Amino acid sequence: MKVESAYMHLKSVVSKLSQLSTEEWNDFESKWEEVLISKNDFIIKAGQIERYFYFVHDGMLRAFVLNEGADISVGFSYNGDFSGAYDSFLEQSVTDWNIQALSETSVLRINYPNMMAMYDRYKSVERWGRIFNANILVGIGRRQVEVRNYSAEDRFDRLFKQSPHIFQLVSQKHLASYLGMTPETLSRLRRLKMND
């Protein structure tokens, strides 16, 4: 049985990028299924092929890679975000990513054959996918500039301005890893920010 609020949430997010007719939306919606992911469970691990594209209705996922034993956070997905090992999904190739639930997380997911069929069937869905992909590329470019050109303090400030709520949702260890700093540096910067 569909939980209406999750599907309406998906519709509101998709509609910001492309308008689907009622018929198109009903068909597109029918290809998604709701899944509840328990805290600490994985939706994918390195070495697997991503079979699904996810919409996070409620909860939080963390994407990370393992590099010489170090656990490096590369991103977080929460309410209203799309998630998954997207490169692996598009190429149907093995991923280097791990994506794990940081809390009990309600997602909708669509499998690869259904997503490709929707792109082929509806110009509106293809448009949504094209704009979504463009936004992902822009975000990756900005993240590359951030990582290569900004100091740890600048990265902290940018994240604090863009997503202040993330500091309440994600552990200090994972945030420090994402920002490329030690937990001690993150703790110091948070104290300074709170005293401003």
Foldseek 3Di string as FASTA:
>chain_A
DDDVQQLVLVVVLLVVQFDDDPVLSVLLSVQKDKDKAAAFDWPDAFFAAWFKKKFWQAAKKWKWAADPNDTFTADMDGHGDIDDQVVSQVVVDTHRIIMGTNHTTMMIIGGNVSLVVSLVPDVRSVSSVVVVVVVVVVVVVVVVCCVPPPDLLVLLVVCCVPPVCVPVRDDLCRVCSNSVHHSVVVVVSVVVVVVD
